[in-house]
Amino acid sequence: MTEASPEPTLQELSARLDGLYVVLKWVLLGQIVCVSIFNIWLASEIGTFEQIFRDGLPGKVLPWLTRIVVSGSTVLLALSVAWPLLPRLFVFSAKNHHLA
């Protein structure tokens, strides 16, 4: 008969979970940074559309939603830059819980 392998100890399981935690943490951060780069690029391009809208509607007031978006482009850019910093606060500062 074959001998059954012993069950892993709590310390071995904790070490395995620590490794998984590190991998998942970096995958999550990588995804957020990639999306944020795209958001920063889009937020920085909003101002260029103001002139296009003004040329398309000469002498007319821009629609209120367009004015809000164009005037808030700085805020959107700041949020796009701050967005990748939020996971740093929550994921990387989380306490490392051990089973043993």
PDB file of N, CA and C in Angstrom:
ATOM      1  N   MET A   1       0.830  -1.168   0.000  1.00  0.00           N
ATOM      2  CA  MET A   1       0.000   0.000   0.000  1.00  0.00           C
ATOM      3  C   MET A   1       0.882   1.241   0.000  1.00  0.00           C
ATOM      4  N   THR A   2       0.334   2.276  -0.531  1.00  0.00           N
ATOM      5  CA  THR A   2       1.074   3.536  -0.541  1.00  0.00           C
ATOM      6  C   THR A   2       0.819   4.285   0.756  1.00  0.00           C
ATOM      7  N   GLU A   3       1.850   4.968   1.172  1.00  0.00           N
ATOM      8  CA  GLU A   3       1.738   5.720   2.410  1.00  0.00           C
ATOM      9  C   GLU A   3       1.136   7.096   2.111  1.00  0.00           C
ATOM     10  N   ALA A   4       0.173   7.518   2.906  1.00  0.00           N
ATOM     11  CA  ALA A   4      -0.471   8.816   2.711  1.00  0.00           C
ATOM     12  C   ALA A   4       0.495   9.925   3.124  1.00  0.00           C
ATOM     13  N   SER A   5       0.483  10.997   2.348  1.00  0.00           N
ATOM     14  CA  SER A   5       1.368  12.121   2.686  1.00  0.00           C
ATOM     15  C   SER A   5       0.788  12.865   3.889  1.00  0.00           C
ATOM     16  N   PRO A   6       1.658  13.356   4.746  1.00  0.00           N
ATOM     17  CA  PRO A   6       1.169  14.050   5.933  1.00  0.00           C
ATOM     18  C   PRO A   6       0.528  15.381   5.550  1.00  0.00           C
ATOM     19  N   GLU A   7      -0.402  15.797   6.371  1.00  0.00           N
ATOM     20  CA  GLU A   7      -1.054  17.082   6.118  1.00  0.00           C
ATOM     21  C   GLU A   7      -0.057  18.216   6.354  1.00  0.00           C
ATOM     22  N   PRO A   8      -0.158  19.266   5.543  1.00  0.00           N
ATOM     23  CA  PRO A   8       0.767  20.384   5.753  1.00  0.00           C
ATOM     24  C   PRO A   8       0.472  21.087   7.085  1.00  0.00           C
ATOM     25  N   THR A   9       1.509  21.598   7.670  1.00  0.00           N
ATOM     26  CA  THR A   9       1.335  22.295   8.941  1.00  0.00           C
ATOM     27  C   THR A   9       0.778  23.694   8.684  1.00  0.00           C
ATOM     28  N   LEU A  10       0.352  24.333   9.748  1.00  0.00           N
ATOM     29  CA  LEU A  10      -0.176  25.684   9.620  1.00  0.00           C
ATOM     30  C   LEU A  10       0.896  26.650   9.126  1.00  0.00           C
ATOM     31  N   GLN A  11       2.127  26.438   9.509  1.00  0.00           N
ATOM     32  CA  GLN A  11       3.207  27.308   9.053  1.00  0.00           C
ATOM     33  C   GLN A  11       3.444  27.153   7.555  1.00  0.00           C
ATOM     34  N   GLU A  12       3.357  25.926   7.055  1.00  0.00           N
ATOM     35  CA  GLU A  12       3.517  25.700   5.615  1.00  0.00           C
ATOM     36  C   GLU A  12       2.366  26.340   4.845  1.00  0.00           C
ATOM     37  N   LEU A  13       1.159  26.190   5.348  1.00  0.00           N
ATOM     38  CA  LEU A  13       0.006  26.813   4.696  1.00  0.00           C
ATOM     39  C   LEU A  13       0.117  28.333   4.722  1.00  0.00           C
ATOM     40  N   SER A  14       0.581  28.866   5.838  1.00  0.00           N
ATOM     41  CA  SER A  14       0.744  30.309   5.956  1.00  0.00           C
ATOM     42  C   SER A  14       1.777  30.817   4.959  1.00  0.00           C
ATOM     43  N   ALA A  15       2.859  30.100   4.786  1.00  0.00           N
ATOM     44  CA  ALA A  15       3.891  30.499   3.820  1.00  0.00           C
ATOM     45  C   ALA A  15       3.339  30.477   2.397  1.00  0.00           C
ATOM     46  N   ARG A  16       2.542  29.473   2.076  1.00  0.00           N
ATOM     47  CA  ARG A  16       1.931  29.397   0.746  1.00  0.00           C
ATOM     48  C   ARG A  16       0.965  30.561   0.521  1.00  0.00           C
ATOM     49  N   LEU A  17       0.164  30.869   1.528  1.00  0.00           N
ATOM     50  CA  LEU A  17      -0.790  31.968   1.403  1.00  0.00           C
ATOM     51  C   LEU A  17      -0.079  33.314   1.305  1.00  0.00           C
ATOM     52  N   ASP A  18       1.037  33.461   2.001  1.00  0.00           N
ATOM     53  CA  ASP A  18       1.802  34.699   1.898  1.00  0.00           C
ATOM     54  C   ASP A  18       2.289  34.904   0.471  1.00  0.00           C
ATOM     55  N   GLY A  19       2.767  33.852  -0.153  1.00  0.00           N
ATOM     56  CA  GLY A  19       3.219  33.951  -1.544  1.00  0.00           C
ATOM     57  C   GLY A  19       2.081  34.303  -2.485  1.00  0.00           C
ATOM     58  N   LEU A  20       0.933  33.699  -2.283  1.00  0.00           N
ATOM     59  CA  LEU A  20      -0.236  33.995  -3.101  1.00  0.00           C
ATOM     60  C   LEU A  20      -0.681  35.438  -2.892  1.00  0.00           C
ATOM     61  N   TYR A  21      -0.631  35.908  -1.658  1.00  0.00           N
ATOM     62  CA  TYR A  21      -1.005  37.282  -1.341  1.00  0.00           C
ATOM     63  C   TYR A  21      -0.111  38.275  -2.076  1.00  0.00           C
ATOM     64  N   VAL A  22       1.174  38.018  -2.112  1.00  0.00           N
ATOM     65  CA  VAL A  22       2.112  38.913  -2.781  1.00  0.00           C
ATOM     66  C   VAL A  22       1.824  38.948  -4.282  1.00  0.00           C
ATOM     67  N   VAL A  23       1.601  37.802  -4.880  1.00  0.00           N
ATOM     68  CA  VAL A  23       1.323  37.740  -6.319  1.00  0.00           C
ATOM     69  C   VAL A  23       0.032  38.484  -6.644  1.00  0.00           C
ATOM     70  N   LEU A  24      -1.029  38.224  -5.902  1.00  0.00           N
ATOM     71  CA  LEU A  24      -2.306  38.885  -6.168  1.00  0.00           C
ATOM     72  C   LEU A  24      -2.213  40.391  -5.949  1.00  0.00           C
ATOM     73  N   LYS A  25      -1.449  40.800  -4.963  1.00  0.00           N
ATOM     74  CA  LYS A  25      -1.276  42.223  -4.681  1.00  0.00           C
ATOM     75  C   LYS A  25      -0.639  42.931  -5.878  1.00  0.00           C
ATOM     76  N   TRP A  26       0.395  42.338  -6.455  1.00  0.00           N
ATOM     77  CA  TRP A  26       1.078  42.971  -7.581  1.00  0.00           C
ATOM     78  C   TRP A  26       0.255  42.910  -8.864  1.00  0.00           C
ATOM     79  N   VAL A  27      -0.508  41.837  -9.048  1.00  0.00           N
ATOM     80  CA  VAL A  27      -1.381  41.752 -10.229  1.00  0.00           C
ATOM     81  C   VAL A  27      -2.448  42.843 -10.151  1.00  0.00           C
ATOM     82  N   LEU A  28      -3.045  43.014  -8.990  1.00  0.00           N
ATOM     83  CA  LEU A  28      -4.061  44.043  -8.809  1.00  0.00           C
ATOM     84  C   LEU A  28      -3.471  45.426  -9.047  1.00  0.00           C
ATOM     85  N   LEU A  29      -2.328  45.691  -8.491  1.00  0.00           N
ATOM     86  CA  LEU A  29      -1.699  46.997  -8.666  1.00  0.00           C
ATOM     87  C   LEU A  29      -1.357  47.241 -10.139  1.00  0.00           C
ATOM     88  N   GLY A  30      -0.866  46.230 -10.836  1.00  0.00           N
ATOM     89  CA  GLY A  30      -0.543  46.372 -12.254  1.00  0.00           C
ATOM     90  C   GLY A  30      -1.759  46.705 -13.098  1.00  0.00           C
ATOM     91  N   GLN A  31      -2.869  46.046 -12.823  1.00  0.00           N
ATOM     92  CA  GLN A  31      -4.091  46.326 -13.562  1.00  0.00           C
ATOM     93  C   GLN A  31      -4.574  47.744 -13.311  1.00  0.00           C
ATOM     94  N   ILE A  32      -4.523  48.175 -12.074  1.00  0.00           N
ATOM     95  CA  ILE A  32      -4.992  49.517 -11.748  1.00  0.00           C
ATOM     96  C   ILE A  32      -4.108  50.578 -12.388  1.00  0.00           C
ATOM     97  N   VAL A  33      -2.808  50.361 -12.392  1.00  0.00           N
ATOM     98  CA  VAL A  33      -1.897  51.327 -13.013  1.00  0.00           C
ATOM     99  C   VAL A  33      -2.139  51.400 -14.519  1.00  0.00           C
ATOM    100  N   CYS A  34      -2.345  50.269 -15.174  1.00  0.00           N
ATOM    101  CA  CYS A  34      -2.605  50.275 -16.620  1.00  0.00           C
ATOM    102  C   CYS A  34      -3.880  51.037 -16.961  1.00  0.00           C
ATOM    103  N   VAL A  35      -4.922  50.804 -16.202  1.00  0.00           N
ATOM    104  CA  VAL A  35      -6.179  51.524 -16.428  1.00  0.00           C
ATOM    105  C   VAL A  35      -5.991  53.006 -16.120  1.00  0.00           C
ATOM    106  N   SER A  36      -5.228  53.321 -15.094  1.00  0.00           N
ATOM    107  CA  SER A  36      -5.026  54.717 -14.707  1.00  0.00           C
ATOM    108  C   SER A  36      -4.238  55.482 -15.753  1.00  0.00           C
ATOM    109  N   ILE A  37      -3.271  54.856 -16.380  1.00  0.00           N
ATOM    110  CA  ILE A  37      -2.520  55.528 -17.442  1.00  0.00           C
ATOM    111  C   ILE A  37      -3.463  55.940 -18.563  1.00  0.00           C
ATOM    112  N   PHE A  38      -4.371  55.055 -18.918  1.00  0.00           N
ATOM    113  CA  PHE A  38      -5.363  55.365 -19.947  1.00  0.00           C
ATOM    114  C   PHE A  38      -6.270  56.507 -19.490  1.00  0.00           C
ATOM    115  N   ASN A  39      -6.698  56.492 -18.223  1.00  0.00           N
ATOM    116  CA  ASN A  39      -7.553  57.551 -17.692  1.00  0.00           C
ATOM    117  C   ASN A  39      -6.834  58.895 -17.663  1.00  0.00           C
ATOM    118  N   ILE A  40      -5.565  58.890 -17.288  1.00  0.00           N
ATOM    119  CA  ILE A  40      -4.789  60.140 -17.258  1.00  0.00           C
ATOM    120  C   ILE A  40      -4.682  60.716 -18.666  1.00  0.00           C
ATOM    121  N   TRP A  41      -4.431  59.858 -19.627  1.00  0.00           N
ATOM    122  CA  TRP A  41      -4.342  60.320 -21.013  1.00  0.00           C
ATOM    123  C   TRP A  41      -5.668  60.916 -21.469  1.00  0.00           C
ATOM    124  N   LEU A  42      -6.777  60.234 -21.180  1.00  0.00           N
ATOM    125  CA  LEU A  42      -8.082  60.754 -21.593  1.00  0.00           C
ATOM    126  C   LEU A  42      -8.417  62.065 -20.890  1.00  0.00           C
ATOM    127  N   ALA A  43      -8.134  62.157 -19.597  1.00  0.00           N
ATOM    128  CA  ALA A  43      -8.440  63.377 -18.851  1.00  0.00           C
ATOM    129  C   ALA A  43      -7.603  64.552 -19.354  1.00  0.00           C
ATOM    130  N   SER A  44      -6.381  64.284 -19.789  1.00  0.00           N
ATOM    131  CA  SER A  44      -5.541  65.371 -20.293  1.00  0.00           C
ATOM    132  C   SER A  44      -5.985  65.839 -21.681  1.00  0.00           C
ATOM    133  N   GLU A  45      -6.746  65.046 -22.385  1.00  0.00           N
ATOM    134  CA  GLU A  45      -7.211  65.403 -23.728  1.00  0.00           C
ATOM    135  C   GLU A  45      -8.520  66.182 -23.726  1.00  0.00           C
ATOM    136  N   ILE A  46      -9.202  66.282 -22.599  1.00  0.00           N
ATOM    137  CA  ILE A  46     -10.505  66.957 -22.549  1.00  0.00           C
ATOM    138  C   ILE A  46     -10.381  68.417 -22.968  1.00  0.00           C
ATOM    139  N   GLY A  47      -9.333  69.083 -22.512  1.00  0.00           N
ATOM    140  CA  GLY A  47      -9.158  70.499 -22.843  1.00  0.00           C
ATOM    141  C   GLY A  47      -9.041  70.774 -24.332  1.00  0.00           C
ATOM    142  N   THR A  48      -8.514  69.832 -25.091  1.00  0.00           N
ATOM    143  CA  THR A  48      -8.362  70.045 -26.533  1.00  0.00           C
ATOM    144  C   THR A  48      -9.711  70.073 -27.249  1.00  0.00           C
ATOM    145  N   PHE A  49     -10.717  69.467 -26.656  1.00  0.00           N
ATOM    146  CA  PHE A  49     -12.027  69.440 -27.294  1.00  0.00           C
ATOM    147  C   PHE A  49     -12.782  70.755 -27.118  1.00  0.00           C
ATOM    148  N   GLU A  50     -12.388  71.564 -26.138  1.00  0.00           N
ATOM    149  CA  GLU A  50     -13.078  72.838 -25.931  1.00  0.00           C
ATOM    150  C   GLU A  50     -12.999  73.700 -27.187  1.00  0.00           C
ATOM    151  N   GLN A  51     -11.826  73.791 -27.775  1.00  0.00           N
ATOM    152  CA  GLN A  51     -11.668  74.601 -28.986  1.00  0.00           C
ATOM    153  C   GLN A  51     -12.447  74.004 -30.153  1.00  0.00           C
ATOM    154  N   ILE A  52     -12.490  72.696 -30.243  1.00  0.00           N
ATOM    155  CA  ILE A  52     -13.268  72.050 -31.311  1.00  0.00           C
ATOM    156  C   ILE A  52     -14.746  72.394 -31.162  1.00  0.00           C
ATOM    157  N   PHE A  53     -15.258  72.332 -29.927  1.00  0.00           N
ATOM    158  CA  PHE A  53     -16.663  72.665 -29.685  1.00  0.00           C
ATOM    159  C   PHE A  53     -16.929  74.147 -29.979  1.00  0.00           C
ATOM    160  N   ARG A  54     -16.016  75.009 -29.597  1.00  0.00           N
ATOM    161  CA  ARG A  54     -16.196  76.447 -29.844  1.00  0.00           C
ATOM    162  C   ARG A  54     -16.167  76.747 -31.345  1.00  0.00           C
ATOM    163  N   ASP A  55     -15.305  76.059 -32.087  1.00  0.00           N
ATOM    164  CA  ASP A  55     -15.267  76.256 -33.540  1.00  0.00           C
ATOM    165  C   ASP A  55     -16.519  75.691 -34.203  1.00  0.00           C
ATOM    166  N   GLY A  56     -17.065  74.615 -33.645  1.00  0.00           N
ATOM    167  CA  GLY A  56     -18.266  74.004 -34.214  1.00  0.00           C
ATOM    168  C   GLY A  56     -19.528  74.791 -33.944  1.00  0.00           C
ATOM    169  N   LEU A  57     -19.521  75.572 -32.866  1.00  0.00           N
ATOM    170  CA  LEU A  57     -20.678  76.393 -32.502  1.00  0.00           C
ATOM    171  C   LEU A  57     -20.233  77.848 -32.348  1.00  0.00           C
ATOM    172  N   PRO A  58     -19.846  78.494 -33.455  1.00  0.00           N
ATOM    173  CA  PRO A  58     -19.318  79.857 -33.325  1.00  0.00           C
ATOM    174  C   PRO A  58     -20.391  80.826 -32.823  1.00  0.00           C
ATOM    175  N   GLY A  59     -20.029  81.596 -31.809  1.00  0.00           N
ATOM    176  CA  GLY A  59     -20.942  82.618 -31.278  1.00  0.00           C
ATOM    177  C   GLY A  59     -22.032  82.077 -30.369  1.00  0.00           C
ATOM    178  N   LYS A  60     -22.096  80.781 -30.165  1.00  0.00           N
ATOM    179  CA  LYS A  60     -23.126  80.200 -29.304  1.00  0.00           C
ATOM    180  C   LYS A  60     -22.497  79.720 -28.006  1.00  0.00           C
ATOM    181  N   VAL A  61     -23.319  79.668 -26.992  1.00  0.00           N
ATOM    182  CA  VAL A  61     -22.865  79.161 -25.697  1.00  0.00           C
ATOM    183  C   VAL A  61     -22.826  77.640 -25.771  1.00  0.00           C
ATOM    184  N   LEU A  62     -21.775  77.076 -25.214  1.00  0.00           N
ATOM    185  CA  LEU A  62     -21.675  75.612 -25.188  1.00  0.00           C
ATOM    186  C   LEU A  62     -22.758  75.036 -24.285  1.00  0.00           C
ATOM    187  N   PRO A  63     -23.232  73.831 -24.576  1.00  0.00           N
ATOM    188  CA  PRO A  63     -24.214  73.192 -23.693  1.00  0.00           C
ATOM    189  C   PRO A  63     -23.661  73.055 -22.273  1.00  0.00           C
ATOM    190  N   TRP A  64     -24.559  73.053 -21.297  1.00  0.00           N
ATOM    191  CA  TRP A  64     -24.135  73.065 -19.888  1.00  0.00           C
ATOM    192  C   TRP A  64     -23.304  71.853 -19.524  1.00  0.00           C
ATOM    193  N   LEU A  65     -23.634  70.678 -20.047  1.00  0.00           N
ATOM    194  CA  LEU A  65     -22.870  69.473 -19.727  1.00  0.00           C
ATOM    195  C   LEU A  65     -21.451  69.572 -20.288  1.00  0.00           C
ATOM    196  N   THR A  66     -21.327  70.123 -21.479  1.00  0.00           N
ATOM    197  CA  THR A  66     -20.006  70.308 -22.076  1.00  0.00           C
ATOM    198  C   THR A  66     -19.180  71.281 -21.259  1.00  0.00           C
ATOM    199  N   ARG A  67     -19.799  72.377 -20.807  1.00  0.00           N
ATOM    200  CA  ARG A  67     -19.079  73.351 -19.976  1.00  0.00           C
ATOM    201  C   ARG A  67     -18.618  72.725 -18.666  1.00  0.00           C
ATOM    202  N   ILE A  68     -19.459  71.876 -18.066  1.00  0.00           N
ATOM    203  CA  ILE A  68     -19.097  71.225 -16.806  1.00  0.00           C
ATOM    204  C   ILE A  68     -17.894  70.296 -17.010  1.00  0.00           C
ATOM    205  N   VAL A  69     -17.932  69.497 -18.058  1.00  0.00           N
ATOM    206  CA  VAL A  69     -16.848  68.550 -18.314  1.00  0.00           C
ATOM    207  C   VAL A  69     -15.550  69.284 -18.630  1.00  0.00           C
ATOM    208  N   VAL A  70     -15.624  70.299 -19.479  1.00  0.00           N
ATOM    209  CA  VAL A  70     -14.416  71.037 -19.855  1.00  0.00           C
ATOM    210  C   VAL A  70     -13.853  71.792 -18.657  1.00  0.00           C
ATOM    211  N   SER A  71     -14.709  72.413 -17.865  1.00  0.00           N
ATOM    212  CA  SER A  71     -14.204  73.169 -16.711  1.00  0.00           C
ATOM    213  C   SER A  71     -13.713  72.242 -15.606  1.00  0.00           C
ATOM    214  N   GLY A  72     -14.200  71.020 -15.567  1.00  0.00           N
ATOM    215  CA  GLY A  72     -13.769  70.072 -14.551  1.00  0.00           C
ATOM    216  C   GLY A  72     -12.645  69.160 -14.993  1.00  0.00           C
ATOM    217  N   SER A  73     -12.005  69.483 -16.110  1.00  0.00           N
ATOM    218  CA  SER A  73     -10.956  68.598 -16.617  1.00  0.00           C
ATOM    219  C   SER A  73      -9.763  68.524 -15.663  1.00  0.00           C
ATOM    220  N   THR A  74      -9.477  69.598 -14.948  1.00  0.00           N
ATOM    221  CA  THR A  74      -8.376  69.577 -13.986  1.00  0.00           C
ATOM    222  C   THR A  74      -8.683  68.635 -12.831  1.00  0.00           C
ATOM    223  N   VAL A  75      -9.931  68.658 -12.379  1.00  0.00           N
ATOM    224  CA  VAL A  75     -10.342  67.757 -11.298  1.00  0.00           C
ATOM    225  C   VAL A  75     -10.285  66.307 -11.766  1.00  0.00           C
ATOM    226  N   LEU A  76     -10.744  66.059 -12.980  1.00  0.00           N
ATOM    227  CA  LEU A  76     -10.700  64.698 -13.520  1.00  0.00           C
ATOM    228  C   LEU A  76      -9.257  64.216 -13.674  1.00  0.00           C
ATOM    229  N   LEU A  77      -8.378  65.104 -14.069  1.00  0.00           N
ATOM    230  CA  LEU A  77      -6.968  64.737 -14.196  1.00  0.00           C
ATOM    231  C   LEU A  77      -6.377  64.422 -12.821  1.00  0.00           C
ATOM    232  N   ALA A  78      -6.718  65.226 -11.819  1.00  0.00           N
ATOM    233  CA  ALA A  78      -6.227  64.971 -10.458  1.00  0.00           C
ATOM    234  C   ALA A  78      -6.754  63.631  -9.932  1.00  0.00           C
ATOM    235  N   LEU A  79      -8.016  63.331 -10.191  1.00  0.00           N
ATOM    236  CA  LEU A  79      -8.575  62.040  -9.763  1.00  0.00           C
ATOM    237  C   LEU A  79      -7.911  60.879 -10.495  1.00  0.00           C
ATOM    238  N   SER A  80      -7.601  61.066 -11.756  1.00  0.00           N
ATOM    239  CA  SER A  80      -6.937  60.010 -12.523  1.00  0.00           C
ATOM    240  C   SER A  80      -5.536  59.732 -11.997  1.00  0.00           C
ATOM    241  N   VAL A  81      -4.871  60.756 -11.515  1.00  0.00           N
ATOM    242  CA  VAL A  81      -3.543  60.570 -10.942  1.00  0.00           C
ATOM    243  C   VAL A  81      -3.642  59.941  -9.557  1.00  0.00           C
ATOM    244  N   ALA A  82      -4.648  60.352  -8.779  1.00  0.00           N
ATOM    245  CA  ALA A  82      -4.799  59.846  -7.414  1.00  0.00           C
ATOM    246  C   ALA A  82      -5.319  58.407  -7.379  1.00  0.00           C
ATOM    247  N   TRP A  83      -6.009  57.999  -8.411  1.00  0.00           N
ATOM    248  CA  TRP A  83      -6.636  56.676  -8.413  1.00  0.00           C
ATOM    249  C   TRP A  83      -5.656  55.529  -8.161  1.00  0.00           C
ATOM    250  N   PRO A  84      -4.470  55.489  -8.798  1.00  0.00           N
ATOM    251  CA  PRO A  84      -3.566  54.367  -8.510  1.00  0.00           C
ATOM    252  C   PRO A  84      -2.959  54.434  -7.111  1.00  0.00           C
ATOM    253  N   LEU A  85      -3.063  55.564  -6.444  1.00  0.00           N
ATOM    254  CA  LEU A  85      -2.516  55.658  -5.096  1.00  0.00           C
ATOM    255  C   LEU A  85      -3.446  55.030  -4.050  1.00  0.00           C
ATOM    256  N   LEU A  86      -4.726  54.952  -4.332  1.00  0.00           N
ATOM    257  CA  LEU A  86      -5.675  54.377  -3.371  1.00  0.00           C
ATOM    258  C   LEU A  86      -5.394  52.909  -3.054  1.00  0.00           C
ATOM    259  N   PRO A  87      -5.124  52.057  -4.054  1.00  0.00           N
ATOM    260  CA  PRO A  87      -4.798  50.666  -3.701  1.00  0.00           C
ATOM    261  C   PRO A  87      -3.543  50.571  -2.852  1.00  0.00           C
ATOM    262  N   ARG A  88      -2.632  51.500  -3.047  1.00  0.00           N
ATOM    263  CA  ARG A  88      -1.410  51.502  -2.224  1.00  0.00           C
ATOM    264  C   ARG A  88      -1.767  51.682  -0.759  1.00  0.00           C
ATOM    265  N   LEU A  89      -2.746  52.498  -0.493  1.00  0.00           N
ATOM    266  CA  LEU A  89      -3.155  52.728   0.887  1.00  0.00           C
ATOM    267  C   LEU A  89      -3.821  51.498   1.499  1.00  0.00           C
ATOM    268  N   PHE A  90      -4.647  50.816   0.711  1.00  0.00           N
ATOM    269  CA  PHE A  90      -5.429  49.715   1.260  1.00  0.00           C
ATOM    270  C   PHE A  90      -4.752  48.350   1.136  1.00  0.00           C
ATOM    271  N   VAL A  91      -4.183  48.057  -0.018  1.00  0.00           N
ATOM    272  CA  VAL A  91      -3.624  46.735  -0.252  1.00  0.00           C
ATOM    273  C   VAL A  91      -2.262  46.571   0.410  1.00  0.00           C
ATOM    274  N   PHE A  92      -1.374  47.530   0.200  1.00  0.00           N
ATOM    275  CA  PHE A  92      -0.016  47.384   0.699  1.00  0.00           C
ATOM    276  C   PHE A  92       0.100  47.654   2.195  1.00  0.00           C
ATOM    277  N   SER A  93      -0.831  48.403   2.758  1.00  0.00           N
ATOM    278  CA  SER A  93      -0.746  48.695   4.179  1.00  0.00           C
ATOM    279  C   SER A  93      -1.565  47.715   5.017  1.00  0.00           C
ATOM    280  N   ALA A  94      -2.212  46.763   4.371  1.00  0.00           N
ATOM    281  CA  ALA A  94      -3.013  45.786   5.106  1.00  0.00           C
ATOM    282  C   ALA A  94      -2.107  44.928   5.983  1.00  0.00           C
ATOM    283  N   LYS A  95      -2.600  44.609   7.137  1.00  0.00           N
ATOM    284  CA  LYS A  95      -1.840  43.752   8.052  1.00  0.00           C
ATOM    285  C   LYS A  95      -1.708  42.369   7.426  1.00  0.00           C
ATOM    286  N   ASN A  96      -0.557  41.784   7.587  1.00  0.00           N
ATOM    287  CA  ASN A  96      -0.301  40.443   7.072  1.00  0.00           C
ATOM    288  C   ASN A  96      -0.751  39.442   8.130  1.00  0.00           C
ATOM    289  N   HIS A  97      -1.863  38.777   7.884  1.00  0.00           N
ATOM    290  CA  HIS A  97      -2.419  37.853   8.855  1.00  0.00           C
ATOM    291  C   HIS A  97      -1.828  36.459   8.660  1.00  0.00           C
ATOM    292  N   HIS A  98      -1.302  35.917   9.697  1.00  0.00           N
ATOM    293  CA  HIS A  98      -0.721  34.576   9.653  1.00  0.00           C
ATOM    294  C   HIS A  98      -1.656  33.596  10.341  1.00  0.00           C
ATOM    295  N   LEU A  99      -1.651  32.387   9.836  1.00  0.00           N
ATOM    296  CA  LEU A  99      -2.473  31.359  10.462  1.00  0.00           C
ATOM    297  C   LEU A  99      -1.845  30.842  11.735  1.00  0.00           C
ATOM    298  N   ALA A 100      -0.532  30.844  11.802  1.00  0.00           N
ATOM    299  CA  ALA A 100       0.141  30.286  12.979  1.00  0.00           C
ATOM    300  C   ALA A 100       0.595  31.383  13.920  1.00  0.00           C
TER     301      ALA A 100
END
